[in-house]
């Protein structure tokens, strides 16, 4: 399936949920916020939120500072 992740089109196989996507990218879910098609998906739903071909995903890492 093709997903647009942080502005880049990428092909994935056997990725069905946000949790699986983050795992395949080597990203720890507790350190990021995830938006799918403009909607922020709460961490508690990452294991059950299904992804579809063509979804646009933004993965944001918090940055400290002031």
PDB file of N, CA and C in Angstrom:
ATOM      1  N   UNK A   1       0.846  -1.159   0.000  1.00  0.00           N
ATOM      2  CA  UNK A   1       0.000   0.000   0.000  1.00  0.00           C
ATOM      3  C   UNK A   1       0.898   1.230   0.000  1.00  0.00           C
ATOM      4  N   UNK A   2       0.438   2.274  -0.651  1.00  0.00           N
ATOM      5  CA  UNK A   2       1.207   3.514  -0.684  1.00  0.00           C
ATOM      6  C   UNK A   2       0.642   4.489   0.344  1.00  0.00           C
ATOM      7  N   UNK A   3       1.540   5.040   1.163  1.00  0.00           N
ATOM      8  CA  UNK A   3       1.191   6.046   2.148  1.00  0.00           C
ATOM      9  C   UNK A   3       2.105   7.245   1.955  1.00  0.00           C
ATOM     10  N   UNK A   4       1.599   8.420   2.245  1.00  0.00           N
ATOM     11  CA  UNK A   4       2.447   9.615   2.222  1.00  0.00           C
ATOM     12  C   UNK A   4       2.799   9.906   3.682  1.00  0.00           C
ATOM     13  N   UNK A   5       4.071   9.718   4.018  1.00  0.00           N
ATOM     14  CA  UNK A   5       4.528   9.875   5.399  1.00  0.00           C
ATOM     15  C   UNK A   5       5.469  11.073   5.466  1.00  0.00           C
ATOM     16  N   UNK A   6       5.063  12.080   6.231  1.00  0.00           N
ATOM     17  CA  UNK A   6       5.838  13.317   6.382  1.00  0.00           C
ATOM     18  C   UNK A   6       6.277  13.872   5.026  1.00  0.00           C
ATOM     19  N   UNK A   7       5.318  13.912   4.088  1.00  0.00           N
ATOM     20  CA  UNK A   7       5.552  14.524   2.793  1.00  0.00           C
ATOM     21  C   UNK A   7       6.194  13.633   1.742  1.00  0.00           C
ATOM     22  N   UNK A   8       6.503  12.386   2.083  1.00  0.00           N
ATOM     23  CA  UNK A   8       7.179  11.477   1.159  1.00  0.00           C
ATOM     24  C   UNK A   8       6.313  10.249   0.902  1.00  0.00           C
ATOM     25  N   UNK A   9       6.071   9.949  -0.382  1.00  0.00           N
ATOM     26  CA  UNK A   9       5.316   8.743  -0.729  1.00  0.00           C
ATOM     27  C   UNK A   9       6.193   7.525  -0.508  1.00  0.00           C
ATOM     28  N   UNK A  10       5.626   6.525   0.167  1.00  0.00           N
ATOM     29  CA  UNK A  10       6.364   5.292   0.472  1.00  0.00           C
ATOM     30  C   UNK A  10       5.442   4.103   0.290  1.00  0.00           C
ATOM     31  N   UNK A  11       6.034   2.977  -0.094  1.00  0.00           N
ATOM     32  CA  UNK A  11       5.289   1.724  -0.258  1.00  0.00           C
ATOM     33  C   UNK A  11       5.501   0.851   0.984  1.00  0.00           C
ATOM     34  N   UNK A  12       4.424   0.244   1.465  1.00  0.00           N
ATOM     35  CA  UNK A  12       4.481  -0.633   2.631  1.00  0.00           C
ATOM     36  C   UNK A  12       3.709  -1.913   2.334  1.00  0.00           C
ATOM     37  N   UNK A  13       4.178  -3.005   2.895  1.00  0.00           N
ATOM     38  CA  UNK A  13       3.432  -4.256   2.846  1.00  0.00           C
ATOM     39  C   UNK A  13       3.195  -4.702   4.281  1.00  0.00           C
ATOM     40  N   UNK A  14       2.084  -5.332   4.506  1.00  0.00           N
ATOM     41  CA  UNK A  14       1.729  -5.852   5.832  1.00  0.00           C
ATOM     42  C   UNK A  14       1.660  -4.777   6.905  1.00  0.00           C
ATOM     43  N   UNK A  15       1.265  -3.571   6.520  1.00  0.00           N
ATOM     44  CA  UNK A  15       1.040  -2.492   7.479  1.00  0.00           C
ATOM     45  C   UNK A  15      -0.460  -2.214   7.481  1.00  0.00           C
ATOM     46  N   UNK A  16      -1.092  -2.398   8.623  1.00  0.00           N
ATOM     47  CA  UNK A  16      -2.529  -2.217   8.703  1.00  0.00           C
ATOM     48  C   UNK A  16      -2.948  -1.158   9.714  1.00  0.00           C
ATOM     49  N   UNK A  17      -2.084  -0.883  10.704  1.00  0.00           N
ATOM     50  CA  UNK A  17      -2.434   0.077  11.755  1.00  0.00           C
ATOM     51  C   UNK A  17      -1.293   1.084  11.945  1.00  0.00           C
ATOM     52  N   UNK A  18      -1.602   2.143  12.662  1.00  0.00           N
ATOM     53  CA  UNK A  18      -0.580   3.135  12.990  1.00  0.00           C
ATOM     54  C   UNK A  18       0.539   2.494  13.793  1.00  0.00           C
ATOM     55  N   UNK A  19       0.189   1.654  14.752  1.00  0.00           N
ATOM     56  CA  UNK A  19       1.202   0.993  15.586  1.00  0.00           C
ATOM     57  C   UNK A  19       2.171   0.192  14.725  1.00  0.00           C
ATOM     58  N   UNK A  20       1.657  -0.543  13.740  1.00  0.00           N
ATOM     59  CA  UNK A  20       2.521  -1.322  12.858  1.00  0.00           C
ATOM     60  C   UNK A  20       3.409  -0.408  12.004  1.00  0.00           C
ATOM     61  N   UNK A  21       2.859   0.704  11.546  1.00  0.00           N
ATOM     62  CA  UNK A  21       3.648   1.656  10.759  1.00  0.00           C
ATOM     63  C   UNK A  21       4.796   2.206  11.592  1.00  0.00           C
ATOM     64  N   UNK A  22       4.499   2.660  12.799  1.00  0.00           N
ATOM     65  CA  UNK A  22       5.549   3.212  13.667  1.00  0.00           C
ATOM     66  C   UNK A  22       6.622   2.167  13.946  1.00  0.00           C
ATOM     67  N   UNK A  23       6.194   0.940  14.211  1.00  0.00           N
ATOM     68  CA  UNK A  23       7.144  -0.138  14.470  1.00  0.00           C
ATOM     69  C   UNK A  23       8.042  -0.376  13.254  1.00  0.00           C
ATOM     70  N   UNK A  24       7.458  -0.386  12.071  1.00  0.00           N
ATOM     71  CA  UNK A  24       8.247  -0.630  10.858  1.00  0.00           C
ATOM     72  C   UNK A  24       9.247   0.486  10.589  1.00  0.00           C
ATOM     73  N   UNK A  25       8.942   1.690  11.079  1.00  0.00           N
ATOM     74  CA  UNK A  25       9.839   2.832  10.914  1.00  0.00           C
ATOM     75  C   UNK A  25      10.831   2.959  12.070  1.00  0.00           C
ATOM     76  N   UNK A  26      10.691   2.107  13.075  1.00  0.00           N
ATOM     77  CA  UNK A  26      11.585   2.154  14.232  1.00  0.00           C
ATOM     78  C   UNK A  26      11.318   3.338  15.143  1.00  0.00           C
ATOM     79  N   UNK A  27      10.065   3.765  15.191  1.00  0.00           N
ATOM     80  CA  UNK A  27       9.682   4.929  16.001  1.00  0.00           C
ATOM     81  C   UNK A  27       8.890   4.461  17.215  1.00  0.00           C
ATOM     82  N   UNK A  28       9.264   4.947  18.382  1.00  0.00           N
ATOM     83  CA  UNK A  28       8.543   4.608  19.606  1.00  0.00           C
ATOM     84  C   UNK A  28       7.297   5.491  19.708  1.00  0.00           C
ATOM     85  N   UNK A  29       6.156   4.877  19.823  1.00  0.00           N
ATOM     86  CA  UNK A  29       4.879   5.591  19.826  1.00  0.00           C
ATOM     87  C   UNK A  29       4.777   6.625  20.940  1.00  0.00           C
ATOM     88  N   UNK A  30       5.405   6.354  22.059  1.00  0.00           N
ATOM     89  CA  UNK A  30       5.246   7.283  23.191  1.00  0.00           C
ATOM     90  C   UNK A  30       5.960   8.608  22.967  1.00  0.00           C
ATOM     91  N   UNK A  31       6.815   8.676  21.951  1.00  0.00           N
ATOM     92  CA  UNK A  31       7.595   9.895  21.726  1.00  0.00           C
ATOM     93  C   UNK A  31       7.077  10.744  20.568  1.00  0.00           C
ATOM     94  N   UNK A  32       5.928  10.370  19.986  1.00  0.00           N
ATOM     95  CA  UNK A  32       5.427  11.098  18.818  1.00  0.00           C
ATOM     96  C   UNK A  32       3.927  11.348  18.893  1.00  0.00           C
ATOM     97  N   UNK A  33       3.478  12.287  18.065  1.00  0.00           N
ATOM     98  CA  UNK A  33       2.056  12.483  17.797  1.00  0.00           C
ATOM     99  C   UNK A  33       1.850  12.102  16.337  1.00  0.00           C
ATOM    100  N   UNK A  34       0.696  11.487  16.031  1.00  0.00           N
ATOM    101  CA  UNK A  34       0.431  11.033  14.672  1.00  0.00           C
ATOM    102  C   UNK A  34      -0.886  11.636  14.182  1.00  0.00           C
ATOM    103  N   UNK A  35      -0.811  12.172  12.967  1.00  0.00           N
ATOM    104  CA  UNK A  35      -1.977  12.736  12.309  1.00  0.00           C
ATOM    105  C   UNK A  35      -2.218  11.931  11.030  1.00  0.00           C
ATOM    106  N   UNK A  36      -3.461  11.533  10.805  1.00  0.00           N
ATOM    107  CA  UNK A  36      -3.833  10.801   9.590  1.00  0.00           C
ATOM    108  C   UNK A  36      -4.911  11.613   8.876  1.00  0.00           C
ATOM    109  N   UNK A  37      -4.592  12.032   7.652  1.00  0.00           N
ATOM    110  CA  UNK A  37      -5.527  12.818   6.842  1.00  0.00           C
ATOM    111  C   UNK A  37      -6.068  14.028   7.600  1.00  0.00           C
ATOM    112  N   UNK A  38      -5.165  14.707   8.330  1.00  0.00           N
ATOM    113  CA  UNK A  38      -5.528  15.936   9.025  1.00  0.00           C
ATOM    114  C   UNK A  38      -6.134  15.755  10.399  1.00  0.00           C
ATOM    115  N   UNK A  39      -6.276  14.526  10.866  1.00  0.00           N
ATOM    116  CA  UNK A  39      -6.875  14.256  12.175  1.00  0.00           C
ATOM    117  C   UNK A  39      -5.848  13.619  13.103  1.00  0.00           C
ATOM    118  N   UNK A  40      -5.642  14.230  14.276  1.00  0.00           N
ATOM    119  CA  UNK A  40      -4.723  13.666  15.262  1.00  0.00           C
ATOM    120  C   UNK A  40      -5.369  12.419  15.854  1.00  0.00           C
ATOM    121  N   UNK A  41      -4.601  11.332  15.851  1.00  0.00           N
ATOM    122  CA  UNK A  41      -5.101  10.056  16.379  1.00  0.00           C
ATOM    123  C   UNK A  41      -4.464   9.831  17.753  1.00  0.00           C
ATOM    124  N   UNK A  42      -5.278   9.723  18.805  1.00  0.00           N
ATOM    125  CA  UNK A  42      -4.729   9.506  20.146  1.00  0.00           C
ATOM    126  C   UNK A  42      -3.901   8.222  20.221  1.00  0.00           C
ATOM    127  N   UNK A  43      -2.856   8.261  21.029  1.00  0.00           N
ATOM    128  CA  UNK A  43      -1.966   7.104  21.184  1.00  0.00           C
ATOM    129  C   UNK A  43      -2.733   5.828  21.540  1.00  0.00           C
ATOM    130  N   UNK A  44      -3.764   5.955  22.349  1.00  0.00           N
ATOM    131  CA  UNK A  44      -4.521   4.778  22.771  1.00  0.00           C
ATOM    132  C   UNK A  44      -5.225   4.085  21.604  1.00  0.00           C
ATOM    133  N   UNK A  45      -5.339   4.762  20.456  1.00  0.00           N
ATOM    134  CA  UNK A  45      -5.993   4.172  19.298  1.00  0.00           C
ATOM    135  C   UNK A  45      -5.020   3.702  18.219  1.00  0.00           C
ATOM    136  N   UNK A  46      -3.725   3.873  18.441  1.00  0.00           N
ATOM    137  CA  UNK A  46      -2.734   3.497  17.427  1.00  0.00           C
ATOM    138  C   UNK A  46      -2.806   2.017  17.044  1.00  0.00           C
ATOM    139  N   UNK A  47      -3.153   1.147  17.975  1.00  0.00           N
ATOM    140  CA  UNK A  47      -3.208  -0.294  17.680  1.00  0.00           C
ATOM    141  C   UNK A  47      -4.460  -0.687  16.903  1.00  0.00           C
ATOM    142  N   UNK A  48      -5.467   0.165  16.915  1.00  0.00           N
ATOM    143  CA  UNK A  48      -6.710  -0.209  16.244  1.00  0.00           C
ATOM    144  C   UNK A  48      -7.076   0.676  15.058  1.00  0.00           C
ATOM    145  N   UNK A  49      -6.385   1.797  14.890  1.00  0.00           N
ATOM    146  CA  UNK A  49      -6.711   2.690  13.769  1.00  0.00           C
ATOM    147  C   UNK A  49      -6.147   2.116  12.467  1.00  0.00           C
ATOM    148  N   UNK A  50      -7.026   1.715  11.565  1.00  0.00           N
ATOM    149  CA  UNK A  50      -6.626   1.105  10.293  1.00  0.00           C
ATOM    150  C   UNK A  50      -6.166   2.174   9.307  1.00  0.00           C
ATOM    151  N   UNK A  51      -5.106   1.843   8.580  1.00  0.00           N
ATOM    152  CA  UNK A  51      -4.605   2.717   7.526  1.00  0.00           C
ATOM    153  C   UNK A  51      -5.096   2.194   6.183  1.00  0.00           C
ATOM    154  N   UNK A  52      -5.264   3.129   5.229  1.00  0.00           N
ATOM    155  CA  UNK A  52      -5.723   2.768   3.892  1.00  0.00           C
ATOM    156  C   UNK A  52      -4.765   3.321   2.858  1.00  0.00           C
ATOM    157  N   UNK A  53      -4.729   2.659   1.709  1.00  0.00           N
ATOM    158  CA  UNK A  53      -3.907   3.124   0.590  1.00  0.00           C
ATOM    159  C   UNK A  53      -4.204   4.602   0.337  1.00  0.00           C
ATOM    160  N   UNK A  54      -3.144   5.408   0.234  1.00  0.00           N
ATOM    161  CA  UNK A  54      -3.295   6.829  -0.067  1.00  0.00           C
ATOM    162  C   UNK A  54      -3.402   7.739   1.139  1.00  0.00           C
ATOM    163  N   UNK A  55      -3.462   7.170   2.355  1.00  0.00           N
ATOM    164  CA  UNK A  55      -3.527   8.017   3.549  1.00  0.00           C
ATOM    165  C   UNK A  55      -2.308   8.936   3.625  1.00  0.00           C
ATOM    166  N   UNK A  56      -2.548  10.128   4.156  1.00  0.00           N
ATOM    167  CA  UNK A  56      -1.481  11.102   4.377  1.00  0.00           C
ATOM    168  C   UNK A  56      -1.219  11.142   5.874  1.00  0.00           C
ATOM    169  N   UNK A  57       0.008  10.813   6.254  1.00  0.00           N
ATOM    170  CA  UNK A  57       0.360  10.682   7.667  1.00  0.00           C
ATOM    171  C   UNK A  57       1.480  11.645   8.017  1.00  0.00           C
ATOM    172  N   UNK A  58       1.290  12.356   9.112  1.00  0.00           N
ATOM    173  CA  UNK A  58       2.347  13.217   9.646  1.00  0.00           C
ATOM    174  C   UNK A  58       2.716  12.671  11.019  1.00  0.00           C
ATOM    175  N   UNK A  59       3.993  12.443  11.222  1.00  0.00           N
ATOM    176  CA  UNK A  59       4.512  11.954  12.499  1.00  0.00           C
ATOM    177  C   UNK A  59       5.376  13.073  13.059  1.00  0.00           C
ATOM    178  N   UNK A  60       4.997  13.568  14.235  1.00  0.00           N
ATOM    179  CA  UNK A  60       5.659  14.727  14.808  1.00  0.00           C
ATOM    180  C   UNK A  60       6.359  14.360  16.105  1.00  0.00           C
ATOM    181  N   UNK A  61       7.622  14.733  16.198  1.00  0.00           N
ATOM    182  CA  UNK A  61       8.412  14.546  17.430  1.00  0.00           C
ATOM    183  C   UNK A  61       8.417  15.871  18.184  1.00  0.00           C
ATOM    184  N   UNK A  62       8.108  15.855  19.482  1.00  0.00           N
ATOM    185  CA  UNK A  62       8.146  17.101  20.244  1.00  0.00           C
ATOM    186  C   UNK A  62       9.593  17.617  20.348  1.00  0.00           C
ATOM    187  N   UNK A  63       9.697  18.929  20.339  1.00  0.00           N
ATOM    188  CA  UNK A  63      11.003  19.569  20.447  1.00  0.00           C
ATOM    189  C   UNK A  63      10.987  20.478  21.670  1.00  0.00           C
ATOM    190  N   UNK A  64      11.981  20.305  22.540  1.00  0.00           N
ATOM    191  CA  UNK A  64      12.073  21.138  23.729  1.00  0.00           C
ATOM    192  C   UNK A  64      12.724  22.476  23.401  1.00  0.00           C
ATOM    193  N   UNK A  65      12.596  23.385  24.291  1.00  0.00           N
ATOM    194  CA  UNK A  65      13.226  24.685  24.086  1.00  0.00           C
ATOM    195  C   UNK A  65      12.319  25.787  24.583  1.00  0.00           C
ATOM    196  N   UNK A  66      12.738  26.990  24.287  1.00  0.00           N
ATOM    197  CA  UNK A  66      11.931  28.091  24.782  1.00  0.00           C
ATOM    198  C   UNK A  66      12.050  29.315  24.020  1.00  0.00           C
TER     199      UNK A  66
END
